[in-house]
N, C-alpha and C. Protein backbone atom coordinates (compact mmCIF):
# COMPACT_ATOMS: atom_id res chain seq x y z
N MET A 1 20.27 2.44 -2.06
CA MET A 1 20.45 2.96 -3.39
C MET A 1 19.32 3.94 -3.71
N PRO A 2 19.61 4.96 -4.49
CA PRO A 2 18.56 5.92 -4.86
C PRO A 2 17.61 5.32 -5.89
N LEU A 3 16.42 5.88 -5.95
CA LEU A 3 15.46 5.47 -6.96
C LEU A 3 16.01 5.83 -8.33
N THR A 4 15.82 4.94 -9.30
CA THR A 4 16.35 5.20 -10.63
C THR A 4 15.31 5.71 -11.61
N ALA A 5 14.07 5.21 -11.49
CA ALA A 5 13.07 5.59 -12.49
C ALA A 5 11.66 5.31 -12.01
N LEU A 6 10.74 6.08 -12.53
CA LEU A 6 9.31 5.80 -12.42
C LEU A 6 8.78 5.72 -13.83
N ASP A 7 8.04 4.68 -14.13
CA ASP A 7 7.44 4.56 -15.45
C ASP A 7 6.37 5.64 -15.62
N PRO A 8 6.18 6.14 -16.82
CA PRO A 8 5.12 7.13 -17.05
C PRO A 8 3.73 6.54 -16.80
N THR A 9 3.66 5.22 -16.72
CA THR A 9 2.39 4.54 -16.45
C THR A 9 2.40 3.90 -15.07
N SER A 10 2.86 4.65 -14.08
CA SER A 10 2.88 4.18 -12.69
C SER A 10 1.54 4.42 -12.01
N ALA A 11 1.28 3.63 -10.99
CA ALA A 11 0.10 3.81 -10.15
C ALA A 11 0.53 3.77 -8.70
N LEU A 12 -0.13 4.57 -7.87
CA LEU A 12 0.08 4.54 -6.43
C LEU A 12 -0.91 3.56 -5.83
N VAL A 13 -0.42 2.62 -5.02
CA VAL A 13 -1.27 1.66 -4.33
C VAL A 13 -1.04 1.83 -2.84
N LEU A 14 -2.10 2.20 -2.12
CA LEU A 14 -2.03 2.44 -0.68
C LEU A 14 -2.79 1.33 0.04
N ILE A 15 -2.12 0.69 0.99
CA ILE A 15 -2.66 -0.49 1.67
C ILE A 15 -3.23 -0.15 3.04
N ASP A 16 -4.49 -0.48 3.23
CA ASP A 16 -5.18 -0.50 4.53
C ASP A 16 -5.15 0.82 5.31
N LEU A 17 -5.22 1.93 4.61
CA LEU A 17 -5.31 3.22 5.30
C LEU A 17 -6.79 3.50 5.55
N GLN A 18 -7.28 2.82 6.57
CA GLN A 18 -8.70 2.81 6.91
C GLN A 18 -8.84 3.02 8.40
N ASN A 19 -10.05 3.37 8.80
CA ASN A 19 -10.31 3.77 10.19
C ASN A 19 -9.77 2.80 11.23
N GLY A 20 -10.07 1.52 11.09
CA GLY A 20 -9.67 0.55 12.10
C GLY A 20 -8.20 0.21 12.12
N VAL A 21 -7.47 0.57 11.08
CA VAL A 21 -6.04 0.28 11.01
C VAL A 21 -5.23 1.48 11.47
N VAL A 22 -5.57 2.68 11.01
CA VAL A 22 -4.77 3.85 11.37
C VAL A 22 -4.94 4.24 12.84
N SER A 23 -5.91 3.66 13.51
CA SER A 23 -6.09 3.94 14.94
C SER A 23 -5.15 3.11 15.81
N ARG A 24 -4.39 2.21 15.22
CA ARG A 24 -3.49 1.34 15.98
C ARG A 24 -2.14 2.01 16.22
N THR A 25 -1.47 1.57 17.26
CA THR A 25 -0.12 2.06 17.56
C THR A 25 0.87 1.29 16.70
N CYS A 26 1.68 2.01 15.94
CA CYS A 26 2.62 1.40 15.02
C CYS A 26 4.01 2.02 15.18
N ALA A 27 5.00 1.34 14.58
CA ALA A 27 6.38 1.82 14.62
C ALA A 27 7.08 1.31 13.37
N PRO A 28 8.10 1.93 12.89
CA PRO A 28 8.81 3.06 13.47
C PRO A 28 8.16 4.41 13.19
N HIS A 29 7.21 4.46 12.26
CA HIS A 29 6.51 5.70 11.95
C HIS A 29 5.12 5.65 12.56
N THR A 30 4.61 6.78 12.99
CA THR A 30 3.23 6.81 13.47
C THR A 30 2.30 6.72 12.28
N THR A 31 1.10 6.25 12.52
CA THR A 31 0.12 6.19 11.42
C THR A 31 -0.25 7.61 10.98
N THR A 32 -0.16 8.58 11.87
CA THR A 32 -0.41 9.98 11.49
C THR A 32 0.60 10.43 10.45
N ASP A 33 1.87 10.12 10.67
CA ASP A 33 2.92 10.48 9.70
C ASP A 33 2.75 9.73 8.38
N VAL A 34 2.45 8.43 8.47
CA VAL A 34 2.25 7.63 7.26
C VAL A 34 1.07 8.17 6.46
N LEU A 35 0.01 8.52 7.15
CA LEU A 35 -1.16 9.07 6.47
C LEU A 35 -0.84 10.39 5.79
N ALA A 36 -0.12 11.28 6.46
CA ALA A 36 0.25 12.57 5.86
C ALA A 36 1.10 12.36 4.62
N ARG A 37 2.06 11.44 4.68
CA ARG A 37 2.91 11.17 3.51
C ARG A 37 2.12 10.52 2.38
N SER A 38 1.18 9.67 2.74
CA SER A 38 0.33 9.01 1.73
C SER A 38 -0.56 10.02 1.03
N VAL A 39 -1.09 10.98 1.77
CA VAL A 39 -1.89 12.05 1.17
C VAL A 39 -1.02 12.85 0.20
N GLU A 40 0.22 13.15 0.60
CA GLU A 40 1.13 13.89 -0.30
C GLU A 40 1.38 13.11 -1.58
N LEU A 41 1.60 11.81 -1.45
CA LEU A 41 1.81 10.97 -2.64
C LEU A 41 0.55 10.94 -3.51
N ALA A 42 -0.59 10.73 -2.88
CA ALA A 42 -1.85 10.66 -3.64
C ALA A 42 -2.10 11.97 -4.39
N ASP A 43 -1.87 13.08 -3.73
CA ASP A 43 -2.06 14.39 -4.39
C ASP A 43 -1.14 14.54 -5.60
N ALA A 44 0.10 14.08 -5.46
CA ALA A 44 1.07 14.18 -6.56
C ALA A 44 0.64 13.29 -7.73
N PHE A 45 0.16 12.10 -7.46
CA PHE A 45 -0.29 11.21 -8.53
C PHE A 45 -1.55 11.76 -9.19
N ARG A 46 -2.50 12.22 -8.38
CA ARG A 46 -3.74 12.77 -8.94
C ARG A 46 -3.46 13.99 -9.81
N ALA A 47 -2.51 14.84 -9.41
CA ALA A 47 -2.17 16.05 -10.16
C ALA A 47 -1.63 15.70 -11.55
N ARG A 48 -1.12 14.49 -11.70
CA ARG A 48 -0.56 14.06 -12.98
C ARG A 48 -1.47 13.06 -13.68
N ASP A 49 -2.70 12.93 -13.21
CA ASP A 49 -3.70 12.00 -13.77
C ASP A 49 -3.20 10.57 -13.80
N LEU A 50 -2.46 10.20 -12.77
CA LEU A 50 -2.00 8.82 -12.62
C LEU A 50 -2.89 8.12 -11.60
N PRO A 51 -3.13 6.82 -11.77
CA PRO A 51 -4.06 6.10 -10.89
C PRO A 51 -3.61 6.07 -9.42
N VAL A 52 -4.60 6.24 -8.57
CA VAL A 52 -4.44 6.06 -7.13
C VAL A 52 -5.39 4.93 -6.73
N VAL A 53 -4.82 3.89 -6.11
CA VAL A 53 -5.60 2.74 -5.69
C VAL A 53 -5.61 2.70 -4.17
N LEU A 54 -6.81 2.72 -3.61
CA LEU A 54 -6.98 2.64 -2.16
C LEU A 54 -7.47 1.24 -1.82
N VAL A 55 -6.62 0.48 -1.17
CA VAL A 55 -6.94 -0.90 -0.81
C VAL A 55 -7.38 -0.93 0.64
N ARG A 56 -8.49 -1.60 0.88
CA ARG A 56 -8.97 -1.75 2.25
C ARG A 56 -9.21 -3.23 2.53
N VAL A 57 -9.01 -3.61 3.77
CA VAL A 57 -9.29 -4.98 4.18
C VAL A 57 -10.63 -4.97 4.90
N SER A 58 -11.43 -6.00 4.64
CA SER A 58 -12.74 -6.08 5.27
C SER A 58 -12.98 -7.50 5.75
N SER A 59 -14.03 -7.67 6.49
CA SER A 59 -14.44 -9.00 6.95
C SER A 59 -15.14 -9.70 5.81
N GLY A 60 -14.97 -10.96 5.76
CA GLY A 60 -15.62 -11.72 4.70
C GLY A 60 -14.84 -12.97 4.41
N PRO A 61 -15.03 -13.51 3.22
CA PRO A 61 -14.34 -14.76 2.89
C PRO A 61 -12.84 -14.53 2.80
N SER A 62 -12.08 -15.33 3.51
CA SER A 62 -10.63 -15.20 3.45
C SER A 62 -10.01 -16.58 3.39
N ALA A 63 -8.77 -16.59 2.95
CA ALA A 63 -8.04 -17.85 2.95
C ALA A 63 -7.83 -18.25 4.40
N SER A 64 -8.09 -19.48 4.69
CA SER A 64 -7.90 -19.92 6.06
C SER A 64 -7.12 -21.22 6.06
N GLY A 65 -6.55 -21.50 7.15
CA GLY A 65 -5.78 -22.71 7.32
C GLY A 65 -5.29 -22.76 8.76
N ARG A 66 -4.61 -23.81 9.08
CA ARG A 66 -4.09 -23.95 10.44
C ARG A 66 -2.88 -23.04 10.63
N THR A 67 -2.84 -22.36 11.76
CA THR A 67 -1.69 -21.52 12.10
C THR A 67 -1.32 -21.74 13.56
N ASP A 68 -0.09 -21.42 13.90
CA ASP A 68 0.34 -21.48 15.29
C ASP A 68 -0.19 -20.30 16.09
N ALA A 69 -0.38 -19.17 15.41
CA ALA A 69 -0.86 -17.97 16.10
C ALA A 69 -2.38 -18.05 16.28
N PRO A 70 -2.85 -17.65 17.44
CA PRO A 70 -4.30 -17.66 17.64
C PRO A 70 -4.98 -16.59 16.77
N ALA A 71 -6.23 -16.84 16.44
CA ALA A 71 -6.98 -15.86 15.66
C ALA A 71 -7.04 -14.55 16.43
N ARG A 72 -6.87 -13.43 15.72
CA ARG A 72 -6.84 -12.12 16.38
C ARG A 72 -8.23 -11.52 16.53
N ARG A 73 -9.13 -11.85 15.60
CA ARG A 73 -10.45 -11.25 15.63
C ARG A 73 -11.47 -12.24 16.17
N SER A 74 -12.10 -11.88 17.25
CA SER A 74 -13.16 -12.74 17.76
C SER A 74 -14.48 -11.98 17.82
N ALA A 75 -14.41 -10.69 18.01
CA ALA A 75 -15.62 -9.88 18.11
C ALA A 75 -15.94 -9.25 16.75
N THR A 76 -17.16 -8.80 16.62
CA THR A 76 -17.55 -8.08 15.42
C THR A 76 -16.85 -6.73 15.43
N PRO A 77 -16.20 -6.37 14.32
CA PRO A 77 -15.50 -5.07 14.28
C PRO A 77 -16.51 -3.93 14.42
N PRO A 78 -16.05 -2.78 14.93
CA PRO A 78 -16.95 -1.64 15.06
C PRO A 78 -17.39 -1.10 13.70
N GLU A 79 -18.53 -0.48 13.67
CA GLU A 79 -19.07 0.13 12.45
C GLU A 79 -18.04 1.08 11.83
N GLY A 80 -17.81 0.96 10.55
CA GLY A 80 -16.92 1.87 9.83
C GLY A 80 -15.45 1.57 9.95
N TRP A 81 -15.06 0.50 10.62
CA TRP A 81 -13.64 0.19 10.80
C TRP A 81 -12.92 -0.03 9.48
N ASP A 82 -13.66 -0.51 8.46
CA ASP A 82 -13.04 -0.84 7.19
C ASP A 82 -13.20 0.25 6.13
N GLN A 83 -13.61 1.43 6.53
CA GLN A 83 -13.77 2.54 5.59
C GLN A 83 -12.45 3.30 5.43
N ILE A 84 -12.14 3.66 4.19
CA ILE A 84 -10.95 4.46 3.91
C ILE A 84 -11.03 5.75 4.71
N VAL A 85 -9.91 6.20 5.28
CA VAL A 85 -9.89 7.41 6.09
C VAL A 85 -10.32 8.61 5.27
N ASP A 86 -10.94 9.57 5.94
CA ASP A 86 -11.47 10.76 5.26
C ASP A 86 -10.42 11.52 4.47
N GLU A 87 -9.18 11.55 4.97
CA GLU A 87 -8.12 12.30 4.31
C GLU A 87 -7.83 11.80 2.89
N LEU A 88 -8.15 10.54 2.62
CA LEU A 88 -7.89 9.96 1.30
C LEU A 88 -9.16 9.70 0.49
N ALA A 89 -10.27 9.57 1.15
CA ALA A 89 -11.53 9.20 0.49
C ALA A 89 -12.13 10.37 -0.27
N GLY A 90 -13.06 10.04 -1.16
CA GLY A 90 -13.86 11.06 -1.81
C GLY A 90 -13.34 11.60 -3.12
N HIS A 91 -12.35 10.96 -3.70
CA HIS A 91 -11.83 11.40 -5.00
C HIS A 91 -12.40 10.46 -6.07
N SER A 92 -13.21 11.00 -6.94
CA SER A 92 -13.97 10.18 -7.88
C SER A 92 -13.09 9.35 -8.82
N GLY A 93 -11.91 9.80 -9.13
CA GLY A 93 -11.05 9.06 -10.04
C GLY A 93 -10.29 7.92 -9.40
N ASP A 94 -10.28 7.85 -8.08
CA ASP A 94 -9.53 6.79 -7.39
C ASP A 94 -10.20 5.44 -7.56
N ILE A 95 -9.42 4.41 -7.45
CA ILE A 95 -9.90 3.03 -7.53
C ILE A 95 -9.88 2.48 -6.10
N THR A 96 -10.98 1.89 -5.66
CA THR A 96 -11.01 1.24 -4.36
C THR A 96 -11.08 -0.26 -4.56
N VAL A 97 -10.21 -0.97 -3.87
CA VAL A 97 -10.16 -2.43 -3.93
C VAL A 97 -10.38 -2.94 -2.51
N THR A 98 -11.30 -3.88 -2.37
CA THR A 98 -11.55 -4.51 -1.08
C THR A 98 -10.94 -5.90 -1.09
N LYS A 99 -10.10 -6.15 -0.10
CA LYS A 99 -9.45 -7.46 0.02
C LYS A 99 -9.92 -8.14 1.30
N TYR A 100 -9.77 -9.45 1.33
CA TYR A 100 -10.17 -10.24 2.49
C TYR A 100 -9.01 -11.08 3.00
N ASN A 101 -7.84 -10.84 2.43
CA ASN A 101 -6.62 -11.54 2.79
C ASN A 101 -5.53 -10.50 3.03
N TRP A 102 -4.31 -10.96 3.29
CA TRP A 102 -3.22 -10.03 3.53
C TRP A 102 -2.89 -9.20 2.31
N GLY A 103 -2.72 -9.85 1.18
CA GLY A 103 -2.29 -9.16 -0.03
C GLY A 103 -3.45 -8.62 -0.84
N ALA A 104 -3.17 -7.60 -1.65
CA ALA A 104 -4.20 -6.92 -2.42
C ALA A 104 -4.50 -7.56 -3.77
N PHE A 105 -3.75 -8.56 -4.18
CA PHE A 105 -3.99 -9.19 -5.48
C PHE A 105 -4.92 -10.40 -5.39
N HIS A 106 -4.69 -11.28 -4.44
CA HIS A 106 -5.46 -12.52 -4.35
C HIS A 106 -6.94 -12.24 -4.07
N GLY A 107 -7.79 -12.74 -4.96
CA GLY A 107 -9.23 -12.63 -4.76
C GLY A 107 -9.81 -11.25 -5.03
N THR A 108 -9.05 -10.37 -5.70
CA THR A 108 -9.53 -9.03 -6.03
C THR A 108 -9.35 -8.77 -7.52
N ASP A 109 -9.83 -7.62 -7.97
CA ASP A 109 -9.64 -7.25 -9.37
C ASP A 109 -8.49 -6.23 -9.53
N LEU A 110 -7.58 -6.18 -8.58
CA LEU A 110 -6.49 -5.20 -8.64
C LEU A 110 -5.69 -5.32 -9.93
N ASP A 111 -5.25 -6.52 -10.27
CA ASP A 111 -4.44 -6.69 -11.47
C ASP A 111 -5.22 -6.25 -12.71
N LEU A 112 -6.48 -6.60 -12.81
CA LEU A 112 -7.32 -6.20 -13.94
C LEU A 112 -7.45 -4.68 -14.01
N GLN A 113 -7.68 -4.03 -12.88
CA GLN A 113 -7.80 -2.57 -12.84
C GLN A 113 -6.52 -1.89 -13.33
N LEU A 114 -5.39 -2.42 -12.91
CA LEU A 114 -4.10 -1.83 -13.31
C LEU A 114 -3.81 -2.08 -14.79
N ARG A 115 -4.01 -3.28 -15.24
CA ARG A 115 -3.71 -3.63 -16.64
C ARG A 115 -4.61 -2.86 -17.61
N ARG A 116 -5.88 -2.66 -17.24
CA ARG A 116 -6.79 -1.87 -18.09
C ARG A 116 -6.26 -0.47 -18.33
N ARG A 117 -5.52 0.04 -17.36
CA ARG A 117 -4.99 1.40 -17.44
C ARG A 117 -3.55 1.42 -17.96
N GLY A 118 -3.02 0.29 -18.36
CA GLY A 118 -1.67 0.22 -18.90
C GLY A 118 -0.58 0.40 -17.87
N VAL A 119 -0.88 0.17 -16.60
CA VAL A 119 0.10 0.38 -15.52
C VAL A 119 1.20 -0.67 -15.62
N THR A 120 2.45 -0.20 -15.53
CA THR A 120 3.61 -1.08 -15.55
C THR A 120 4.42 -1.02 -14.26
N GLN A 121 4.13 -0.01 -13.43
CA GLN A 121 4.88 0.16 -12.19
C GLN A 121 3.92 0.51 -11.06
N ILE A 122 4.18 -0.06 -9.90
CA ILE A 122 3.40 0.23 -8.71
C ILE A 122 4.29 0.93 -7.70
N VAL A 123 3.80 2.03 -7.17
CA VAL A 123 4.44 2.72 -6.05
C VAL A 123 3.59 2.35 -4.84
N LEU A 124 4.21 1.73 -3.85
CA LEU A 124 3.47 1.06 -2.79
C LEU A 124 3.78 1.65 -1.41
N ALA A 125 2.71 1.83 -0.61
CA ALA A 125 2.85 2.32 0.76
C ALA A 125 1.65 1.82 1.57
N GLY A 126 1.68 2.04 2.90
CA GLY A 126 0.54 1.68 3.73
C GLY A 126 0.93 0.97 5.01
N VAL A 127 -0.04 0.24 5.56
CA VAL A 127 0.10 -0.44 6.84
C VAL A 127 -0.44 -1.86 6.67
N ALA A 128 0.17 -2.82 7.19
CA ALA A 128 1.41 -2.95 7.92
C ALA A 128 2.50 -3.45 6.98
N THR A 129 3.68 -2.92 7.15
CA THR A 129 4.81 -3.19 6.27
C THR A 129 5.01 -4.69 6.05
N SER A 130 5.07 -5.46 7.13
CA SER A 130 5.41 -6.88 7.02
C SER A 130 4.22 -7.78 6.73
N ILE A 131 3.03 -7.20 6.62
CA ILE A 131 1.84 -8.02 6.38
C ILE A 131 1.24 -7.62 5.02
N GLY A 132 0.31 -6.67 5.02
CA GLY A 132 -0.38 -6.30 3.79
C GLY A 132 0.51 -5.70 2.73
N VAL A 133 1.46 -4.86 3.14
CA VAL A 133 2.34 -4.22 2.16
C VAL A 133 3.30 -5.25 1.56
N GLU A 134 3.94 -6.03 2.41
CA GLU A 134 4.87 -7.04 1.89
C GLU A 134 4.16 -8.07 1.02
N SER A 135 3.00 -8.54 1.45
CA SER A 135 2.25 -9.53 0.66
C SER A 135 1.90 -8.97 -0.71
N THR A 136 1.47 -7.71 -0.75
CA THR A 136 1.13 -7.06 -2.01
C THR A 136 2.38 -6.86 -2.87
N ALA A 137 3.49 -6.48 -2.25
CA ALA A 137 4.74 -6.29 -2.98
C ALA A 137 5.21 -7.59 -3.62
N ARG A 138 5.13 -8.67 -2.89
CA ARG A 138 5.55 -9.96 -3.44
C ARG A 138 4.69 -10.33 -4.65
N ALA A 139 3.38 -10.15 -4.52
CA ALA A 139 2.48 -10.50 -5.62
C ALA A 139 2.69 -9.56 -6.81
N ALA A 140 2.94 -8.29 -6.55
CA ALA A 140 3.20 -7.34 -7.65
C ALA A 140 4.42 -7.77 -8.44
N GLN A 141 5.46 -8.17 -7.75
CA GLN A 141 6.67 -8.63 -8.42
C GLN A 141 6.37 -9.90 -9.22
N GLU A 142 5.58 -10.80 -8.66
CA GLU A 142 5.22 -12.04 -9.36
C GLU A 142 4.35 -11.76 -10.59
N HIS A 143 3.57 -10.67 -10.55
CA HIS A 143 2.74 -10.28 -11.69
C HIS A 143 3.52 -9.47 -12.74
N GLY A 144 4.79 -9.21 -12.49
CA GLY A 144 5.65 -8.55 -13.47
C GLY A 144 5.66 -7.03 -13.42
N TYR A 145 5.16 -6.43 -12.35
CA TYR A 145 5.20 -4.97 -12.23
C TYR A 145 6.56 -4.52 -11.72
N HIS A 146 7.03 -3.36 -12.21
CA HIS A 146 8.14 -2.68 -11.57
C HIS A 146 7.59 -2.18 -10.24
N LEU A 147 8.43 -2.10 -9.25
CA LEU A 147 7.94 -1.80 -7.90
C LEU A 147 8.83 -0.78 -7.21
N THR A 148 8.18 0.26 -6.66
CA THR A 148 8.85 1.23 -5.82
C THR A 148 8.16 1.21 -4.47
N LEU A 149 8.94 1.07 -3.41
CA LEU A 149 8.43 0.95 -2.05
C LEU A 149 8.78 2.21 -1.28
N VAL A 150 7.77 2.91 -0.81
CA VAL A 150 7.96 4.19 -0.14
C VAL A 150 8.04 3.92 1.36
N THR A 151 9.25 3.74 1.85
CA THR A 151 9.45 3.20 3.20
C THR A 151 9.09 4.17 4.33
N ASP A 152 9.06 5.48 4.06
CA ASP A 152 8.63 6.39 5.13
C ASP A 152 7.12 6.64 5.09
N ALA A 153 6.43 6.00 4.13
CA ALA A 153 4.97 6.08 4.05
C ALA A 153 4.37 4.71 4.35
N MET A 154 5.09 3.95 5.16
CA MET A 154 4.58 2.67 5.65
C MET A 154 5.09 2.45 7.06
N THR A 155 4.37 1.63 7.78
CA THR A 155 4.74 1.33 9.17
C THR A 155 4.16 -0.03 9.53
N ASP A 156 4.49 -0.48 10.73
CA ASP A 156 4.13 -1.83 11.13
C ASP A 156 3.67 -1.85 12.58
N LEU A 157 3.13 -2.95 12.99
CA LEU A 157 2.76 -3.14 14.39
C LEU A 157 4.01 -3.36 15.24
N ASP A 158 5.13 -3.65 14.58
CA ASP A 158 6.38 -3.94 15.27
C ASP A 158 7.53 -3.34 14.46
N ALA A 159 8.35 -2.52 15.09
CA ALA A 159 9.45 -1.85 14.39
C ALA A 159 10.46 -2.85 13.82
N ASP A 160 10.71 -3.95 14.52
CA ASP A 160 11.65 -4.94 14.00
C ASP A 160 11.11 -5.62 12.75
N ALA A 161 9.83 -5.87 12.70
CA ALA A 161 9.22 -6.47 11.51
C ALA A 161 9.33 -5.51 10.32
N HIS A 162 9.08 -4.22 10.57
CA HIS A 162 9.24 -3.21 9.52
C HIS A 162 10.67 -3.20 9.00
N ARG A 163 11.63 -3.17 9.93
CA ARG A 163 13.04 -3.13 9.55
C ARG A 163 13.42 -4.38 8.75
N HIS A 164 13.01 -5.54 9.20
CA HIS A 164 13.34 -6.78 8.49
C HIS A 164 12.81 -6.74 7.05
N THR A 165 11.56 -6.33 6.89
CA THR A 165 10.96 -6.29 5.55
C THR A 165 11.66 -5.27 4.66
N THR A 166 11.91 -4.07 5.20
CA THR A 166 12.51 -3.02 4.36
C THR A 166 13.97 -3.31 4.03
N GLU A 167 14.68 -3.97 4.94
CA GLU A 167 16.10 -4.24 4.71
C GLU A 167 16.39 -5.57 4.03
N ARG A 168 15.55 -6.57 4.25
CA ARG A 168 15.84 -7.92 3.73
C ARG A 168 14.96 -8.34 2.56
N ILE A 169 13.70 -7.96 2.57
CA ILE A 169 12.77 -8.43 1.55
C ILE A 169 12.65 -7.44 0.39
N PHE A 170 12.39 -6.18 0.69
CA PHE A 170 12.14 -5.20 -0.36
C PHE A 170 13.27 -5.05 -1.37
N PRO A 171 14.55 -5.09 -0.95
CA PRO A 171 15.61 -4.96 -1.96
C PRO A 171 15.57 -6.05 -3.03
N ARG A 172 14.94 -7.17 -2.74
CA ARG A 172 14.83 -8.26 -3.71
C ARG A 172 13.62 -8.10 -4.62
N LEU A 173 12.71 -7.18 -4.26
CA LEU A 173 11.47 -7.02 -5.01
C LEU A 173 11.42 -5.76 -5.86
N GLY A 174 12.13 -4.72 -5.44
CA GLY A 174 12.06 -3.46 -6.17
C GLY A 174 13.02 -2.44 -5.60
N GLU A 175 12.73 -1.18 -5.87
CA GLU A 175 13.55 -0.08 -5.35
C GLU A 175 12.79 0.60 -4.21
N SER A 176 13.52 1.04 -3.21
CA SER A 176 12.92 1.73 -2.08
C SER A 176 13.36 3.19 -2.07
N GLY A 177 12.48 4.05 -1.55
CA GLY A 177 12.79 5.46 -1.44
C GLY A 177 11.84 6.13 -0.47
N THR A 178 12.02 7.41 -0.32
CA THR A 178 11.17 8.20 0.57
C THR A 178 10.08 8.90 -0.23
N THR A 179 9.13 9.45 0.49
CA THR A 179 8.07 10.22 -0.14
C THR A 179 8.65 11.36 -0.95
N ALA A 180 9.58 12.11 -0.37
CA ALA A 180 10.19 13.24 -1.07
C ALA A 180 10.89 12.79 -2.35
N GLU A 181 11.59 11.67 -2.31
CA GLU A 181 12.28 11.17 -3.50
C GLU A 181 11.28 10.78 -4.59
N VAL A 182 10.19 10.12 -4.20
CA VAL A 182 9.19 9.71 -5.18
C VAL A 182 8.52 10.92 -5.81
N VAL A 183 8.15 11.91 -4.99
CA VAL A 183 7.49 13.10 -5.51
C VAL A 183 8.42 13.85 -6.47
N ALA A 184 9.69 13.96 -6.12
CA ALA A 184 10.66 14.64 -6.99
C ALA A 184 10.86 13.88 -8.30
N LEU A 185 10.98 12.57 -8.22
CA LEU A 185 11.16 11.76 -9.42
C LEU A 185 9.91 11.78 -10.28
N LEU A 186 8.75 11.79 -9.64
CA LEU A 186 7.49 11.87 -10.37
C LEU A 186 7.40 13.18 -11.16
N ALA A 187 7.84 14.27 -10.55
CA ALA A 187 7.81 15.56 -11.23
C ALA A 187 8.72 15.55 -12.46
N ARG A 188 9.88 14.92 -12.36
CA ARG A 188 10.81 14.84 -13.49
C ARG A 188 10.29 13.88 -14.57
N THR A 189 9.64 12.80 -14.15
CA THR A 189 9.15 11.79 -15.08
C THR A 189 8.00 12.32 -15.93
N THR A 190 7.12 13.10 -15.32
CA THR A 190 5.91 13.54 -16.02
C THR A 190 6.02 14.97 -16.54
N ALA A 191 7.20 15.58 -16.40
CA ALA A 191 7.37 16.97 -16.86
C ALA A 191 7.44 17.06 -18.36
């Protein structure tokens, strides 16, 4: 279905577009393509004085528990792995949120930052679709935000996981569209 609306108080939230994440091999979209589309979205939001939130994951206190999957991180991450990529960094009006879990709401001030600015809708993109993006989308819906998911500005470590999330989960949480559709709708909404 096509996108129907963007609230005039929308914010762009970009998940984990940082050095150590964008260097990974992903599918179905390359991280290079996702980054280019995310920059286009960020530029469009900034041009309309709408909030841009850059979420990064870092080492530190995280929710832990028993899992069947072995821990993925055993070594100390390389210097700068958790820094926002240069293509998106350096804009003084942007909000940076550091998370220590999959989703961007738990244990962060994301909700407070958005509510202070009167945000009612989140436009969401980033890496990885089935992990950080999906976790953030679920929490956004639980927090009562309208949600737009930019499916060509997100990717995953596994193409099947991306497809499952975009086809099965996202339709229950919000509306999905492409970068071009969001930019066009944004222009009509704020004109």
